[in-house]
């Protein structure tokens, strides 16, 4: 597998540390960051914090040219990152029903300047008023636009089930609702084209699926560009917007080419998880890997690792399981997969592994591994690994 050549150095840099442990190869991380900037073609890249979940890494990438602001996955996370000084530009990527966090936001003048809430219905605005009172200070709002594709006169839905605001008229009507409500300021718009950004167009061993995906993504991108442009035009006629956000790691080229978009979002591309191995347009380096110890030798070409059931969210399937990375040639057992307390690996090399040896794996998604480890070990230029806390290591869990 590509980049396995760096694994002996990562293994050596963590010598003496007991697994399970997770490592971030900073050379790969920085390479991936540079590639995201290249692919965004001059559009600022807002970092999706859920794909990182480690303040030290968020601050590292935000210090690089081409990156600006965070797309957070919860309001409490945004409040915490604001208080820590990680960023002064935080958009909450999903609507919130956290009444306590809303009260904290309304009471904090600095946070109110830094944090933008996401909304796509009047019900969400009503909840804010109920939580903090209808006379609350002005809160920043970003309208979430549905970026899914609905061919066959809307009888098909291709994309994530997110916002109900699909047509330009629906979005403009909601924008009028926000503008008419005291205590809210409409400052931005966002649309996430999951059917383009989140689906690799070169799934290995599935040429027919790959061909179908490419057609769907091309047609969807064309339709979205026209619809998003009309939508933003209608909203901008009502009020100026500070930003129009779009995209994800897998769609940076097409999103950045949309003249209606002022910034793009990416996060997974920094880490290079296995779900992002199946794209033609780019190839992130595996920056995040983790090691599990061999604790058993059941016999034959099998070695059993401790723990390892780090299954990614999403539709259940083999692509959500972790992947043995190094030593090369190992695979998971079809009968057990990655288990809660043990993970057998198979292959000729497994028969030569000894109790106490390490096996390095990659997670299917970029951010969820941080929920399993208090620390990530950062490795750079052959120096010994240095630990930095994940969100979990700082005592934070945002759901």
Protein backbone atom coordinates (compact mmCIF):
# COMPACT_ATOMS: atom_id res chain seq x y z
CA UNK A 1 0.00 0.00 0.00
CA UNK A 2 1.20 3.52 -0.75
CA UNK A 3 3.32 5.22 1.89
CA UNK A 4 3.99 2.02 3.84
CA UNK A 5 7.66 2.94 3.44
CA UNK A 6 7.31 5.53 6.19
CA UNK A 7 5.96 3.03 8.70
CA UNK A 8 9.31 1.74 10.03
CA UNK A 9 10.21 5.33 10.97
CA UNK A 10 6.87 5.87 12.72
CA UNK A 11 7.27 2.56 14.50
CA UNK A 12 10.78 3.51 15.62
CA UNK A 13 9.66 6.98 16.78
CA UNK A 14 7.16 5.35 19.13
CA UNK A 15 9.47 2.61 20.36
CA UNK A 16 9.00 2.07 24.06
CA UNK A 17 5.38 3.22 24.05
CA UNK A 18 2.78 0.61 24.81
CA UNK A 19 0.01 0.13 22.25
CA UNK A 20 -2.83 0.70 21.64
CA UNK A 21 -1.59 4.09 20.46
CA UNK A 22 -2.40 6.48 17.62
CA UNK A 23 0.15 8.43 15.60
CA UNK A 24 -0.09 11.42 13.28
CA UNK A 25 2.65 11.67 10.67
CA UNK A 26 3.07 15.45 10.44
CA UNK A 27 4.87 15.27 7.10
CA UNK A 28 1.84 13.54 5.61
CA UNK A 29 -0.55 15.90 7.44
CA UNK A 30 1.22 18.98 6.05
CA UNK A 31 1.42 17.45 2.56
CA UNK A 32 -2.31 16.82 2.65
CA UNK A 33 -2.96 20.38 3.83
CA UNK A 34 -0.97 21.77 0.92
CA UNK A 35 -2.93 19.59 -1.48
CA UNK A 36 -6.27 20.83 -0.12
CA UNK A 37 -5.14 24.41 -0.73
CA UNK A 38 -4.05 23.50 -4.26
CA UNK A 39 -7.37 21.87 -5.02
CA UNK A 40 -9.40 24.77 -3.60
CA UNK A 41 -7.94 27.07 -6.28
CA UNK A 42 -7.78 30.22 -4.19
CA UNK A 43 -10.92 29.71 -2.13
CA UNK A 44 -10.22 29.79 1.64
CA UNK A 45 -10.54 26.35 3.26
CA UNK A 46 -12.67 26.17 6.38
CA UNK A 47 -11.56 23.17 8.46
CA UNK A 48 -14.17 20.59 9.46
CA UNK A 49 -13.29 20.07 13.11
CA UNK A 50 -15.12 16.75 13.41
CA UNK A 51 -12.52 15.22 11.10
CA UNK A 52 -9.65 16.26 13.41
CA UNK A 53 -10.89 16.51 17.05
CA UNK A 54 -7.49 17.61 18.35
CA UNK A 55 -6.77 21.25 19.17
CA UNK A 56 -3.05 21.04 18.47
CA UNK A 57 -3.73 19.83 14.92
CA UNK A 58 -6.52 22.33 14.34
CA UNK A 59 -4.21 25.15 15.38
CA UNK A 60 -1.42 23.78 13.22
CA UNK A 61 -3.52 23.76 10.06
CA UNK A 62 -5.18 27.11 10.76
CA UNK A 63 -1.72 28.67 10.95
CA UNK A 64 -1.05 27.64 7.35
CA UNK A 65 -1.82 29.93 4.39
CA UNK A 66 -5.07 29.09 2.65
CA UNK A 67 -7.02 28.02 5.74
CA UNK A 68 -9.52 30.21 7.59
CA UNK A 69 -12.04 29.31 10.27
CA UNK A 70 -13.64 26.14 11.55
CA UNK A 71 -16.82 24.26 10.74
CA UNK A 72 -17.75 22.78 14.12
CA UNK A 73 -20.11 19.92 14.72
CA UNK A 74 -21.73 21.18 17.92
CA UNK A 75 -22.38 24.49 19.62
CA UNK A 76 -20.68 23.35 22.83
CA UNK A 77 -17.59 22.49 20.82
CA UNK A 78 -17.63 25.95 19.23
CA UNK A 79 -18.00 27.62 22.63
CA UNK A 80 -15.06 25.61 23.98
CA UNK A 81 -12.82 26.31 20.99
CA UNK A 82 -13.68 30.00 21.20
CA UNK A 83 -12.79 30.10 24.89
CA UNK A 84 -9.51 28.29 24.18
CA UNK A 85 -8.61 30.81 21.48
CA UNK A 86 -8.35 28.16 18.77
CA UNK A 87 -10.29 30.29 16.28
CA UNK A 88 -12.35 33.47 16.17
CA UNK A 89 -14.42 32.25 13.19
CA UNK A 90 -16.56 29.25 14.10
CA UNK A 91 -19.58 28.09 12.12
CA UNK A 92 -21.68 25.39 13.77
CA UNK A 93 -22.32 23.01 10.90
CA UNK A 94 -25.60 21.57 12.21
CA UNK A 95 -28.67 23.03 13.92
CA UNK A 96 -28.60 22.79 17.70
CA UNK A 97 -31.23 21.91 20.30
CA UNK A 98 -28.82 22.42 23.22
CA UNK A 99 -30.67 25.00 25.29
CA UNK A 100 -27.93 25.31 27.87
CA UNK A 101 -25.30 26.01 25.21
CA UNK A 102 -27.59 28.57 23.58
CA UNK A 103 -27.91 30.35 26.91
CA UNK A 104 -24.11 30.40 27.23
CA UNK A 105 -23.77 31.81 23.73
CA UNK A 106 -26.34 34.54 24.31
CA UNK A 107 -24.59 35.59 27.52
CA UNK A 108 -21.09 35.76 26.01
CA UNK A 109 -20.40 38.87 23.93
CA UNK A 110 -17.12 37.54 22.52
CA UNK A 111 -18.63 34.19 21.55
CA UNK A 112 -21.56 35.92 19.85
CA UNK A 113 -19.10 37.72 17.56
CA UNK A 114 -17.19 34.53 16.75
CA UNK A 115 -19.86 31.85 16.45
CA UNK A 116 -22.46 31.41 13.71
CA UNK A 117 -25.43 29.09 14.21
CA UNK A 118 -26.88 26.90 11.46
CA UNK A 119 -30.61 26.96 10.68
CA UNK A 120 -32.99 25.81 7.98
CA UNK A 121 -36.42 26.30 9.58
CA UNK A 122 -38.36 28.74 11.74
CA UNK A 123 -38.76 25.97 14.33
CA UNK A 124 -35.05 26.22 15.09
CA UNK A 125 -35.32 29.97 15.59
CA UNK A 126 -38.32 29.38 17.87
CA UNK A 127 -36.25 27.00 19.98
CA UNK A 128 -33.55 29.66 20.39
CA UNK A 129 -36.14 32.20 21.55
CA UNK A 130 -37.62 29.68 23.98
CA UNK A 131 -34.19 28.83 25.36
CA UNK A 132 -32.88 32.36 25.96
CA UNK A 133 -35.91 34.64 25.68
CA UNK A 134 -37.18 36.51 22.66
CA UNK A 135 -35.28 39.67 23.66
CA UNK A 136 -31.87 37.98 23.36
CA UNK A 137 -28.85 39.74 21.85
CA UNK A 138 -28.27 39.34 18.14
CA UNK A 139 -27.07 35.88 17.12
CA UNK A 140 -25.39 35.09 13.82
CA UNK A 141 -27.23 32.70 11.47
CA UNK A 142 -26.08 30.67 8.48
CA UNK A 143 -28.82 29.19 6.30
CA UNK A 144 -28.30 25.53 5.37
CA UNK A 145 -29.26 24.80 1.77
CA UNK A 146 -30.14 21.33 0.53
CA UNK A 147 -27.47 20.28 -1.99
CA UNK A 148 -28.94 16.89 -2.86
CA UNK A 149 -29.93 16.00 -6.42
CA UNK A 150 -33.58 15.20 -7.09
CA UNK A 151 -33.92 13.94 -10.66
CA UNK A 152 -37.07 12.57 -12.27
CA UNK A 153 -39.10 15.60 -11.17
CA UNK A 154 -38.12 15.07 -7.55
CA UNK A 155 -39.10 11.40 -7.39
CA UNK A 156 -35.51 10.45 -6.55
CA UNK A 157 -33.33 11.83 -3.76
CA UNK A 158 -29.57 11.46 -4.17
CA UNK A 159 -27.55 12.94 -1.34
CA UNK A 160 -27.74 13.51 2.41
CA UNK A 161 -31.08 14.00 4.17
CA UNK A 162 -30.35 17.43 5.57
CA UNK A 163 -32.04 20.77 4.95
CA UNK A 164 -35.61 21.10 3.60
CA UNK A 165 -34.54 24.21 1.66
CA UNK A 166 -34.07 22.82 -1.84
CA UNK A 167 -35.38 25.41 -4.27
CA UNK A 168 -34.18 29.01 -4.53
CA UNK A 169 -37.65 30.24 -3.57
CA UNK A 170 -37.71 28.08 -0.41
CA UNK A 171 -34.31 29.37 0.64
CA UNK A 172 -35.21 32.99 -0.06
CA UNK A 173 -38.43 32.66 1.92
CA UNK A 174 -36.53 31.34 4.92
CA UNK A 175 -33.98 34.14 4.54
CA UNK A 176 -36.88 36.61 4.80
CA UNK A 177 -38.02 34.83 7.95
CA UNK A 178 -34.59 35.22 9.55
CA UNK A 179 -34.34 38.87 8.54
CA UNK A 180 -37.77 39.61 10.00
CA UNK A 181 -36.96 38.05 13.37
CA UNK A 182 -35.41 40.31 16.03
CA UNK A 183 -32.27 38.92 17.63
CA UNK A 184 -30.96 37.20 14.50
CA UNK A 185 -28.51 38.32 11.80
CA UNK A 186 -28.29 36.37 8.54
CA UNK A 187 -24.59 36.31 7.66
CA UNK A 188 -23.94 33.20 5.58
CA UNK A 189 -25.17 30.26 3.54
CA UNK A 190 -23.89 26.70 3.35
CA UNK A 191 -24.54 23.64 1.21
CA UNK A 192 -22.85 20.25 1.50
CA UNK A 193 -22.97 18.07 -1.61
CA UNK A 194 -22.53 14.71 0.12
CA UNK A 195 -23.23 12.75 -3.07
CA UNK A 196 -20.10 14.29 -4.62
CA UNK A 197 -17.84 15.06 -1.66
CA UNK A 198 -18.44 11.90 0.34
CA UNK A 199 -18.52 9.13 -2.28
CA UNK A 200 -15.31 8.00 -3.92
CA UNK A 201 -15.68 7.74 -7.68
CA UNK A 202 -13.16 4.89 -8.03
CA UNK A 203 -14.31 2.11 -5.66
CA UNK A 204 -11.81 -0.74 -6.03
CA UNK A 205 -13.09 -3.77 -7.88
CA UNK A 206 -16.44 -2.16 -8.75
CA UNK A 207 -16.13 -0.66 -12.25
CA UNK A 208 -19.88 -0.46 -12.89
CA UNK A 209 -20.50 1.39 -9.63
CA UNK A 210 -17.60 3.70 -10.44
CA UNK A 211 -19.04 4.53 -13.86
CA UNK A 212 -22.49 5.17 -12.40
CA UNK A 213 -21.10 7.39 -9.65
CA UNK A 214 -19.18 9.51 -12.12
CA UNK A 215 -22.27 10.14 -14.22
CA UNK A 216 -24.38 10.96 -11.15
CA UNK A 217 -21.73 13.27 -9.73
CA UNK A 218 -21.23 15.11 -13.01
CA UNK A 219 -24.96 15.69 -13.53
CA UNK A 220 -25.47 16.59 -9.87
CA UNK A 221 -22.62 19.13 -9.90
CA UNK A 222 -24.05 20.81 -13.01
CA UNK A 223 -27.55 21.02 -11.52
CA UNK A 224 -26.27 22.25 -8.14
CA UNK A 225 -24.13 24.96 -9.65
CA UNK A 226 -27.14 26.44 -11.43
CA UNK A 227 -29.49 26.09 -8.45
CA UNK A 228 -27.01 27.32 -5.88
CA UNK A 229 -26.20 30.34 -8.02
CA UNK A 230 -29.89 31.23 -8.34
CA UNK A 231 -30.41 30.70 -4.61
CA UNK A 232 -27.51 32.90 -3.53
CA UNK A 233 -28.61 35.54 -6.02
CA UNK A 234 -32.05 35.70 -4.42
CA UNK A 235 -30.64 35.85 -0.88
CA UNK A 236 -28.02 38.46 -1.76
CA UNK A 237 -30.82 40.62 -3.18
CA UNK A 238 -32.30 40.63 0.33
CA UNK A 239 -29.11 41.09 2.36
CA UNK A 240 -25.34 40.88 1.82
CA UNK A 241 -23.73 37.64 3.00
CA UNK A 242 -20.32 37.43 4.64
CA UNK A 243 -19.69 33.94 3.24
CA UNK A 244 -21.11 31.19 1.05
CA UNK A 245 -19.69 27.83 2.07
CA UNK A 246 -19.75 24.59 0.13
CA UNK A 247 -18.15 21.28 -0.55
CA UNK A 248 -16.07 18.78 1.31
CA UNK A 249 -12.76 17.01 0.81
CA UNK A 250 -14.05 14.98 -2.13
CA UNK A 251 -15.56 17.86 -4.10
CA UNK A 252 -13.13 20.76 -3.70
CA UNK A 253 -12.46 21.17 -7.42
CA UNK A 254 -16.09 21.38 -8.51
CA UNK A 255 -17.19 23.44 -5.51
CA UNK A 256 -14.34 25.93 -5.81
CA UNK A 257 -15.25 26.43 -9.48
CA UNK A 258 -18.76 27.59 -8.54
CA UNK A 259 -18.77 31.41 -8.68
CA UNK A 260 -21.46 31.58 -5.99
CA UNK A 261 -19.14 29.97 -3.42
CA UNK A 262 -16.71 32.11 -1.42
CA UNK A 263 -15.13 29.36 0.71
CA UNK A 264 -14.90 25.57 0.85
CA UNK A 265 -14.81 23.09 3.71
CA UNK A 266 -12.46 20.14 4.16
CA UNK A 267 -11.20 18.05 7.04
CA UNK A 268 -10.94 14.36 6.22
CA UNK A 269 -8.36 15.07 3.55
CA UNK A 270 -5.92 16.16 6.24
CA UNK A 271 -5.91 12.71 7.80
CA UNK A 272 -6.31 10.45 4.77
CA UNK A 273 -8.62 7.71 6.12
CA UNK A 274 -9.42 4.65 4.03
CA UNK A 275 -12.77 5.94 2.75
CA UNK A 276 -10.77 8.56 0.85
CA UNK A 277 -8.60 6.03 -0.99
CA UNK A 278 -11.23 5.66 -3.71
CA UNK A 279 -11.05 9.01 -5.50
CA UNK A 280 -9.50 9.73 -8.90
CA UNK A 281 -8.93 13.45 -8.45
CA UNK A 282 -6.68 13.29 -5.39
CA UNK A 283 -4.84 10.85 -3.17
CA UNK A 284 -4.25 11.93 0.44
CA UNK A 285 -1.40 10.33 2.33
CA UNK A 286 -2.34 8.25 5.38
CA UNK A 287 -1.44 10.71 8.14
CA UNK A 288 -3.30 9.00 10.99
CA UNK A 289 -2.50 5.40 11.91
CA UNK A 290 -2.80 3.36 15.07
CA UNK A 291 -1.02 0.36 16.53
CA UNK A 292 -2.47 -2.64 18.34
CA UNK A 293 -0.40 -5.28 20.14
CA UNK A 294 -0.34 -8.97 19.31
CA UNK A 295 -1.57 -10.80 22.41
CA UNK A 296 -2.33 -14.29 21.08
CA UNK A 297 -1.22 -16.82 18.49
CA UNK A 298 -4.21 -19.15 17.97
CA UNK A 299 -2.21 -21.28 15.53
CA UNK A 300 -1.46 -21.21 11.83
CA UNK A 301 -1.33 -17.93 9.89
CA UNK A 302 -3.29 -16.00 12.53
CA UNK A 303 -2.28 -13.39 15.09
CA UNK A 304 -4.78 -11.92 17.53
CA UNK A 305 -4.57 -8.24 18.42
CA UNK A 306 -5.88 -6.62 21.56
CA UNK A 307 -9.00 -4.44 21.12
CA UNK A 308 -9.58 -2.73 17.77
CA UNK A 309 -13.34 -2.61 17.21
CA UNK A 310 -13.15 0.92 15.87
CA UNK A 311 -15.98 0.71 13.34
CA UNK A 312 -16.83 3.93 11.50
CA UNK A 313 -20.28 5.49 11.42
CA UNK A 314 -22.49 5.33 8.35
CA UNK A 315 -24.26 2.50 6.55
CA UNK A 316 -22.97 -0.85 7.86
CA UNK A 317 -20.51 -2.45 5.49
CA UNK A 318 -16.99 -3.75 5.10
CA UNK A 319 -15.74 -0.32 4.08
CA UNK A 320 -16.51 0.94 7.62
CA UNK A 321 -14.04 -1.45 9.24
CA UNK A 322 -10.42 -0.53 9.95
CA UNK A 323 -7.78 -1.79 7.55
CA UNK A 324 -4.47 -3.48 8.51
CA UNK A 325 -1.76 -1.22 7.10
CA UNK A 326 1.66 -2.45 8.22
CA UNK A 327 3.22 -4.98 8.10
CA UNK A 328 1.72 -5.34 4.63
CA UNK A 329 -0.26 -8.42 3.62
CA UNK A 330 -2.52 -8.81 6.65
CA UNK A 331 -6.31 -8.83 6.56
CA UNK A 332 -9.17 -9.05 9.02
CA UNK A 333 -11.03 -12.28 9.67
CA UNK A 334 -14.38 -12.45 7.89
CA UNK A 335 -15.89 -14.24 10.88
CA UNK A 336 -14.76 -11.77 13.58
CA UNK A 337 -13.72 -8.56 11.88
CA UNK A 338 -12.49 -5.87 14.26
CA UNK A 339 -13.63 -6.84 17.73
CA UNK A 340 -14.36 -5.06 20.97
CA UNK A 341 -11.61 -6.90 22.86
CA UNK A 342 -9.75 -8.81 20.17
CA UNK A 343 -9.06 -8.50 16.45
CA UNK A 344 -7.58 -11.50 14.62
CA UNK A 345 -5.49 -10.75 11.54
CA UNK A 346 -4.78 -13.33 8.87
CA UNK A 347 -2.06 -13.88 6.29
CA UNK A 348 1.29 -15.57 5.85
CA UNK A 349 3.03 -12.83 7.81
CA UNK A 350 0.63 -13.29 10.73
CA UNK A 351 2.21 -16.68 11.32
CA UNK A 352 5.55 -14.97 11.97
CA UNK A 353 4.28 -12.35 14.39
CA UNK A 354 5.08 -12.81 18.06
CA UNK A 355 3.21 -11.83 21.20
CA UNK A 356 4.13 -8.22 21.89
CA UNK A 357 4.65 -7.25 18.24
CA UNK A 358 2.66 -4.38 16.80
CA UNK A 359 0.28 -4.21 13.87
CA UNK A 360 -0.58 -0.79 12.45
CA UNK A 361 -4.05 -0.07 11.10
CA UNK A 362 -5.97 2.78 9.47
CA UNK A 363 -9.46 3.92 10.39
CA UNK A 364 -12.17 4.28 7.77
CA UNK A 365 -13.01 7.85 8.84
CA UNK A 366 -10.85 10.76 9.88
CA UNK A 367 -12.18 12.02 13.19
CA UNK A 368 -13.82 9.17 15.03
CA UNK A 369 -10.55 7.53 16.09
CA UNK A 370 -9.98 10.51 18.41
CA UNK A 371 -12.85 9.26 20.55
CA UNK A 372 -10.79 6.13 21.28
CA UNK A 373 -7.55 7.79 22.41
CA UNK A 374 -6.69 10.43 24.99
CA UNK A 375 -3.57 11.40 23.03
CA UNK A 376 -2.27 11.44 19.51
CA UNK A 377 1.50 11.01 19.16
CA UNK A 378 2.91 13.48 16.65
CA UNK A 379 5.94 12.34 14.66
CA UNK A 380 8.09 14.72 12.63
CA UNK A 381 11.55 14.51 11.03
CA UNK A 382 12.50 11.31 12.82
CA UNK A 383 12.25 12.89 16.27
CA UNK A 384 10.72 10.90 19.12
CA UNK A 385 6.96 11.06 19.16
CA UNK A 386 5.38 13.74 21.33
CA UNK A 387 1.85 13.40 22.72
CA UNK A 388 -0.88 15.98 22.31
CA UNK A 389 -4.37 15.52 23.75
CA UNK A 390 -7.40 14.76 21.62
CA UNK A 391 -10.74 16.28 22.57
CA UNK A 392 -11.27 13.19 24.73
CA UNK A 393 -7.89 13.73 26.38
CA UNK A 394 -8.98 17.23 27.33
CA UNK A 395 -12.12 15.83 28.91
CA UNK A 396 -14.40 16.91 26.09
CA UNK A 397 -17.07 14.82 24.40
CA UNK A 398 -19.47 16.56 22.04
CA UNK A 399 -21.71 13.66 21.08
